[in-house]
Amino acid sequence: MFNFESRRFAGSSDPWFTVRGVGLGTTAIVTAIAVLGFMLFAIEGPENYTVLTGNNRGTISLRMAITSGVFRQLEIWRIFTWWIPSVPNFWSAISLVLLFVFGSQIETRLGRHRMASLFVVLIVVPAVAIALLDVFQIFPQLAVFFGAGRVSRSLFYVFIAWNPRANFWPGVQGWIIG
């Protein structure tokens, strides 16, 4: 059986680099990018709240999200950028905190290289699936797909799968939640 905590199997758990003595691992970098997307969405203004109608194609945030028809127009970069913009609200902020908390726990076990691979899978696989649905017009009225909350939720389920007996408030075990 694999031992995920061994350095030989998991790779280095050291940070990619340090800034003023603070180590920045994969999770910290992904969370920082998500925070920048959160701030960009807020800076672009209230017109972004019409994002669900798909009427506002001029904003940077919407240019990163996945909307209907974008892959038929060969806007392939959206496979990698859809998770960056997030609507600035309380639940999105909580989602970013949970992304960091659960991601850090998983990165401690996996190491930075495998964690980077996990993030690539969590970001690219859903986007490719949606791209295929869009290209083949299986769901012609595809809604807008964006937000780091989706990646955060996926990391939460990975954490639960790894720690099914972890206690959450008020003493509920992870396997019941997940």
C-alpha atoms as a PDB file:
ATOM      1  CA  MET A   1       0.000   0.000   0.000  1.00  0.00           C
ATOM      2  CA  PHE A   2       1.170   3.542  -0.714  1.00  0.00           C
ATOM      3  CA  ASN A   3       2.327   5.776   2.089  1.00  0.00           C
ATOM      4  CA  PHE A   4       1.257   9.264   1.047  1.00  0.00           C
ATOM      5  CA  GLU A   5       3.289  10.858   3.792  1.00  0.00           C
ATOM      6  CA  SER A   6       6.655   9.558   2.655  1.00  0.00           C
ATOM      7  CA  ARG A   7       8.817  12.048   0.797  1.00  0.00           C
ATOM      8  CA  ARG A   8       9.876   9.400  -1.705  1.00  0.00           C
ATOM      9  CA  PHE A   9       6.296   8.878  -2.913  1.00  0.00           C
ATOM     10  CA  ALA A  10       4.733  12.276  -2.282  1.00  0.00           C
ATOM     11  CA  GLY A  11       7.485  14.595  -3.432  1.00  0.00           C
ATOM     12  CA  SER A  12       8.675  17.676  -1.623  1.00  0.00           C
ATOM     13  CA  SER A  13       6.351  19.343   0.843  1.00  0.00           C
ATOM     14  CA  ASP A  14       8.619  22.388   0.865  1.00  0.00           C
ATOM     15  CA  PRO A  15       7.138  25.605  -0.538  1.00  0.00           C
ATOM     16  CA  TRP A  16       7.834  26.581  -4.145  1.00  0.00           C
ATOM     17  CA  PHE A  17       9.418  29.803  -2.874  1.00  0.00           C
ATOM     18  CA  THR A  18       9.357  32.142   0.099  1.00  0.00           C
ATOM     19  CA  VAL A  19       8.367  35.796   0.338  1.00  0.00           C
ATOM     20  CA  ARG A  20       9.642  37.614   3.424  1.00  0.00           C
ATOM     21  CA  GLY A  21      10.029  34.341   5.265  1.00  0.00           C
ATOM     22  CA  VAL A  22       6.551  33.042   4.365  1.00  0.00           C
ATOM     23  CA  GLY A  23       6.584  29.844   2.314  1.00  0.00           C
ATOM     24  CA  LEU A  24       4.253  29.785  -0.682  1.00  0.00           C
ATOM     25  CA  GLY A  25       3.132  26.312  -1.630  1.00  0.00           C
ATOM     26  CA  THR A  26       0.748  25.258  -4.361  1.00  0.00           C
ATOM     27  CA  THR A  27      -2.382  25.915  -2.311  1.00  0.00           C
ATOM     28  CA  ALA A  28      -1.249  29.378  -1.245  1.00  0.00           C
ATOM     29  CA  ILE A  29      -0.502  30.332  -4.853  1.00  0.00           C
ATOM     30  CA  VAL A  30      -3.857  29.026  -6.143  1.00  0.00           C
ATOM     31  CA  THR A  31      -5.694  30.794  -3.308  1.00  0.00           C
ATOM     32  CA  ALA A  32      -3.839  34.052  -4.047  1.00  0.00           C
ATOM     33  CA  ILE A  33      -4.829  33.825  -7.725  1.00  0.00           C
ATOM     34  CA  ALA A  34      -8.447  33.205  -6.674  1.00  0.00           C
ATOM     35  CA  VAL A  35      -8.339  36.249  -4.366  1.00  0.00           C
ATOM     36  CA  LEU A  36      -7.044  38.364  -7.257  1.00  0.00           C
ATOM     37  CA  GLY A  37      -9.946  37.108  -9.384  1.00  0.00           C
ATOM     38  CA  PHE A  38     -12.325  37.966  -6.548  1.00  0.00           C
ATOM     39  CA  MET A  39     -10.919  41.512  -6.423  1.00  0.00           C
ATOM     40  CA  LEU A  40     -10.968  41.871 -10.229  1.00  0.00           C
ATOM     41  CA  PHE A  41     -14.636  40.898 -10.316  1.00  0.00           C
ATOM     42  CA  ALA A  42     -15.380  43.482  -7.605  1.00  0.00           C
ATOM     43  CA  ILE A  43     -13.361  46.227  -9.333  1.00  0.00           C
ATOM     44  CA  GLU A  44     -15.127  45.688 -12.653  1.00  0.00           C
ATOM     45  CA  GLY A  45     -18.328  46.859 -11.025  1.00  0.00           C
ATOM     46  CA  PRO A  46     -21.977  45.950 -10.602  1.00  0.00           C
ATOM     47  CA  GLU A  47     -22.459  45.173 -14.298  1.00  0.00           C
ATOM     48  CA  ASN A  48     -20.779  41.843 -13.563  1.00  0.00           C
ATOM     49  CA  TYR A  49     -23.844  40.813 -11.623  1.00  0.00           C
ATOM     50  CA  THR A  50     -25.562  40.417 -14.996  1.00  0.00           C
ATOM     51  CA  VAL A  51     -23.020  37.696 -15.732  1.00  0.00           C
ATOM     52  CA  LEU A  52     -25.616  34.933 -15.444  1.00  0.00           C
ATOM     53  CA  THR A  53     -27.551  36.341 -18.383  1.00  0.00           C
ATOM     54  CA  GLY A  54     -24.445  36.247 -20.566  1.00  0.00           C
ATOM     55  CA  ASN A  55     -25.193  39.740 -21.887  1.00  0.00           C
ATOM     56  CA  ASN A  56     -21.980  41.360 -20.684  1.00  0.00           C
ATOM     57  CA  ARG A  57     -19.130  39.878 -22.734  1.00  0.00           C
ATOM     58  CA  GLY A  58     -16.784  42.861 -22.397  1.00  0.00           C
ATOM     59  CA  THR A  59     -15.478  42.344 -18.881  1.00  0.00           C
ATOM     60  CA  ILE A  60     -12.242  40.546 -18.125  1.00  0.00           C
ATOM     61  CA  SER A  61     -13.969  38.280 -15.610  1.00  0.00           C
ATOM     62  CA  LEU A  62     -16.476  37.084 -18.156  1.00  0.00           C
ATOM     63  CA  ARG A  63     -13.682  36.576 -20.677  1.00  0.00           C
ATOM     64  CA  MET A  64     -12.186  34.014 -18.263  1.00  0.00           C
ATOM     65  CA  ALA A  65     -15.442  32.186 -17.473  1.00  0.00           C
ATOM     66  CA  ILE A  66     -17.006  29.420 -19.549  1.00  0.00           C
ATOM     67  CA  THR A  67     -20.146  30.516 -21.369  1.00  0.00           C
ATOM     68  CA  SER A  68     -22.204  28.988 -24.141  1.00  0.00           C
ATOM     69  CA  GLY A  69     -20.424  28.831 -27.495  1.00  0.00           C
ATOM     70  CA  VAL A  70     -16.936  29.871 -26.374  1.00  0.00           C
ATOM     71  CA  PHE A  71     -15.273  26.605 -27.332  1.00  0.00           C
ATOM     72  CA  ARG A  72     -16.895  26.669 -30.742  1.00  0.00           C
ATOM     73  CA  GLN A  73     -15.132  30.034 -31.103  1.00  0.00           C
ATOM     74  CA  LEU A  74     -11.831  28.343 -30.084  1.00  0.00           C
ATOM     75  CA  GLU A  75     -11.396  30.317 -26.862  1.00  0.00           C
ATOM     76  CA  ILE A  76      -9.396  27.457 -25.371  1.00  0.00           C
ATOM     77  CA  TRP A  77      -7.732  29.505 -22.587  1.00  0.00           C
ATOM     78  CA  ARG A  78     -10.993  29.339 -20.659  1.00  0.00           C
ATOM     79  CA  ILE A  79     -10.227  25.705 -19.786  1.00  0.00           C
ATOM     80  CA  PHE A  80      -7.542  27.068 -17.445  1.00  0.00           C
ATOM     81  CA  THR A  81      -9.102  30.372 -16.321  1.00  0.00           C
ATOM     82  CA  TRP A  82     -12.767  29.574 -15.543  1.00  0.00           C
ATOM     83  CA  TRP A  83     -12.156  29.174 -11.808  1.00  0.00           C
ATOM     84  CA  ILE A  84     -10.436  32.538 -11.272  1.00  0.00           C
ATOM     85  CA  PRO A  85     -13.376  35.015 -11.262  1.00  0.00           C
ATOM     86  CA  SER A  86     -15.745  34.798  -8.288  1.00  0.00           C
ATOM     87  CA  VAL A  87     -18.729  36.933  -7.377  1.00  0.00           C
ATOM     88  CA  PRO A  88     -17.670  38.953  -4.314  1.00  0.00           C
ATOM     89  CA  ASN A  89     -19.983  37.920  -1.499  1.00  0.00           C
ATOM     90  CA  PHE A  90     -19.819  36.266   1.908  1.00  0.00           C
ATOM     91  CA  TRP A  91     -20.043  32.689   0.608  1.00  0.00           C
ATOM     92  CA  SER A  92     -17.328  33.238  -1.974  1.00  0.00           C
ATOM     93  CA  ALA A  93     -15.038  34.556   0.767  1.00  0.00           C
ATOM     94  CA  ILE A  94     -15.792  31.496   2.923  1.00  0.00           C
ATOM     95  CA  SER A  95     -15.119  29.312  -0.106  1.00  0.00           C
ATOM     96  CA  LEU A  96     -11.658  30.866  -0.544  1.00  0.00           C
ATOM     97  CA  VAL A  97     -10.875  30.285   3.132  1.00  0.00           C
ATOM     98  CA  LEU A  98     -11.948  26.650   2.820  1.00  0.00           C
ATOM     99  CA  LEU A  99      -9.903  26.305  -0.359  1.00  0.00           C
ATOM    100  CA  PHE A 100      -6.836  27.341   1.610  1.00  0.00           C
ATOM    101  CA  VAL A 101      -7.620  25.285   4.737  1.00  0.00           C
ATOM    102  CA  PHE A 102      -8.446  21.988   3.031  1.00  0.00           C
ATOM    103  CA  GLY A 103      -5.885  22.511   0.280  1.00  0.00           C
ATOM    104  CA  SER A 104      -3.122  23.069   2.844  1.00  0.00           C
ATOM    105  CA  GLN A 105      -4.079  19.888   4.691  1.00  0.00           C
ATOM    106  CA  ILE A 106      -4.021  17.854   1.496  1.00  0.00           C
ATOM    107  CA  GLU A 107      -0.785  19.468   0.292  1.00  0.00           C
ATOM    108  CA  THR A 108       0.920  18.501   3.542  1.00  0.00           C
ATOM    109  CA  ARG A 109       0.219  14.869   2.724  1.00  0.00           C
ATOM    110  CA  LEU A 110       0.721  14.942  -1.028  1.00  0.00           C
ATOM    111  CA  GLY A 111       3.603  17.356  -1.470  1.00  0.00           C
ATOM    112  CA  ARG A 112       3.758  20.339  -3.765  1.00  0.00           C
ATOM    113  CA  HIS A 113       4.199  18.451  -7.048  1.00  0.00           C
ATOM    114  CA  ARG A 114       1.271  16.088  -6.567  1.00  0.00           C
ATOM    115  CA  MET A 115      -0.856  18.934  -5.222  1.00  0.00           C
ATOM    116  CA  ALA A 116      -0.142  20.934  -8.366  1.00  0.00           C
ATOM    117  CA  SER A 117      -1.217  17.888 -10.379  1.00  0.00           C
ATOM    118  CA  LEU A 118      -4.395  17.593  -8.308  1.00  0.00           C
ATOM    119  CA  PHE A 119      -5.241  21.251  -8.964  1.00  0.00           C
ATOM    120  CA  VAL A 120      -4.680  20.743 -12.696  1.00  0.00           C
ATOM    121  CA  VAL A 121      -7.081  17.788 -12.641  1.00  0.00           C
ATOM    122  CA  LEU A 122      -9.686  19.694 -10.586  1.00  0.00           C
ATOM    123  CA  ILE A 123      -9.504  22.669 -12.945  1.00  0.00           C
ATOM    124  CA  VAL A 124      -9.047  21.073 -16.371  1.00  0.00           C
ATOM    125  CA  VAL A 125     -11.262  17.951 -16.227  1.00  0.00           C
ATOM    126  CA  PRO A 126     -14.570  19.780 -15.500  1.00  0.00           C
ATOM    127  CA  ALA A 127     -13.729  22.419 -18.106  1.00  0.00           C
ATOM    128  CA  VAL A 128     -12.969  19.813 -20.777  1.00  0.00           C
ATOM    129  CA  ALA A 129     -16.225  17.995 -19.962  1.00  0.00           C
ATOM    130  CA  ILE A 130     -18.176  21.241 -20.326  1.00  0.00           C
ATOM    131  CA  ALA A 131     -16.250  22.064 -23.504  1.00  0.00           C
ATOM    132  CA  LEU A 132     -17.304  18.747 -25.023  1.00  0.00           C
ATOM    133  CA  LEU A 133     -20.922  19.347 -24.013  1.00  0.00           C
ATOM    134  CA  ASP A 134     -20.708  22.796 -25.569  1.00  0.00           C
ATOM    135  CA  VAL A 135     -18.991  21.758 -28.805  1.00  0.00           C
ATOM    136  CA  PHE A 136     -21.450  18.932 -29.434  1.00  0.00           C
ATOM    137  CA  GLN A 137     -24.308  21.216 -28.317  1.00  0.00           C
ATOM    138  CA  ILE A 138     -25.648  18.682 -25.830  1.00  0.00           C
ATOM    139  CA  PHE A 139     -26.776  21.578 -23.623  1.00  0.00           C
ATOM    140  CA  PRO A 140     -27.192  24.464 -26.088  1.00  0.00           C
ATOM    141  CA  GLN A 141     -28.215  26.934 -23.366  1.00  0.00           C
ATOM    142  CA  LEU A 142     -25.171  26.328 -21.181  1.00  0.00           C
ATOM    143  CA  ALA A 143     -25.094  28.676 -18.181  1.00  0.00           C
ATOM    144  CA  VAL A 144     -21.995  30.546 -17.174  1.00  0.00           C
ATOM    145  CA  PHE A 145     -19.484  28.314 -15.373  1.00  0.00           C
ATOM    146  CA  PHE A 146     -16.994  30.054 -13.079  1.00  0.00           C
ATOM    147  CA  GLY A 147     -15.772  30.437  -9.522  1.00  0.00           C
ATOM    148  CA  ALA A 148     -13.164  29.022  -7.191  1.00  0.00           C
ATOM    149  CA  GLY A 149     -15.972  27.629  -5.035  1.00  0.00           C
ATOM    150  CA  ARG A 150     -16.216  24.637  -7.360  1.00  0.00           C
ATOM    151  CA  VAL A 151     -12.539  23.819  -6.837  1.00  0.00           C
ATOM    152  CA  SER A 152     -12.920  24.408  -3.095  1.00  0.00           C
ATOM    153  CA  ARG A 153     -15.861  21.998  -2.935  1.00  0.00           C
ATOM    154  CA  SER A 154     -13.854  19.374  -4.817  1.00  0.00           C
ATOM    155  CA  LEU A 155     -10.962  19.747  -2.373  1.00  0.00           C
ATOM    156  CA  PHE A 156     -13.414  19.358   0.494  1.00  0.00           C
ATOM    157  CA  TYR A 157     -14.562  16.018  -0.939  1.00  0.00           C
ATOM    158  CA  VAL A 158     -10.946  14.896  -1.390  1.00  0.00           C
ATOM    159  CA  PHE A 159     -10.321  15.808   2.258  1.00  0.00           C
ATOM    160  CA  ILE A 160     -13.413  13.867   3.359  1.00  0.00           C
ATOM    161  CA  ALA A 161     -12.362  10.835   1.316  1.00  0.00           C
ATOM    162  CA  TRP A 162      -8.980  10.954   3.027  1.00  0.00           C
ATOM    163  CA  ASN A 163     -10.329  11.631   6.521  1.00  0.00           C
ATOM    164  CA  PRO A 164     -13.832  10.135   6.722  1.00  0.00           C
ATOM    165  CA  ARG A 165     -13.786  10.194  10.522  1.00  0.00           C
ATOM    166  CA  ALA A 166     -12.718  13.847  10.803  1.00  0.00           C
ATOM    167  CA  ASN A 167     -15.010  15.711  13.186  1.00  0.00           C
ATOM    168  CA  PHE A 168     -16.741  18.871  12.003  1.00  0.00           C
ATOM    169  CA  TRP A 169     -18.935  21.208  13.989  1.00  0.00           C
ATOM    170  CA  PRO A 170     -20.997  20.084  15.975  1.00  0.00           C
ATOM    171  CA  GLY A 171     -19.229  16.724  16.171  1.00  0.00           C
ATOM    172  CA  VAL A 172     -20.550  15.445  12.818  1.00  0.00           C
ATOM    173  CA  GLN A 173     -18.089  13.149  11.085  1.00  0.00           C
ATOM    174  CA  GLY A 174     -16.889  13.836   7.568  1.00  0.00           C
ATOM    175  CA  TRP A 175     -18.367  10.732   5.978  1.00  0.00           C
ATOM    176  CA  ILE A 176     -21.840  11.950   6.950  1.00  0.00           C
ATOM    177  CA  ILE A 177     -21.300  15.355   5.338  1.00  0.00           C
ATOM    178  CA  GLY A 178     -19.630  14.059   2.181  1.00  0.00           C
END
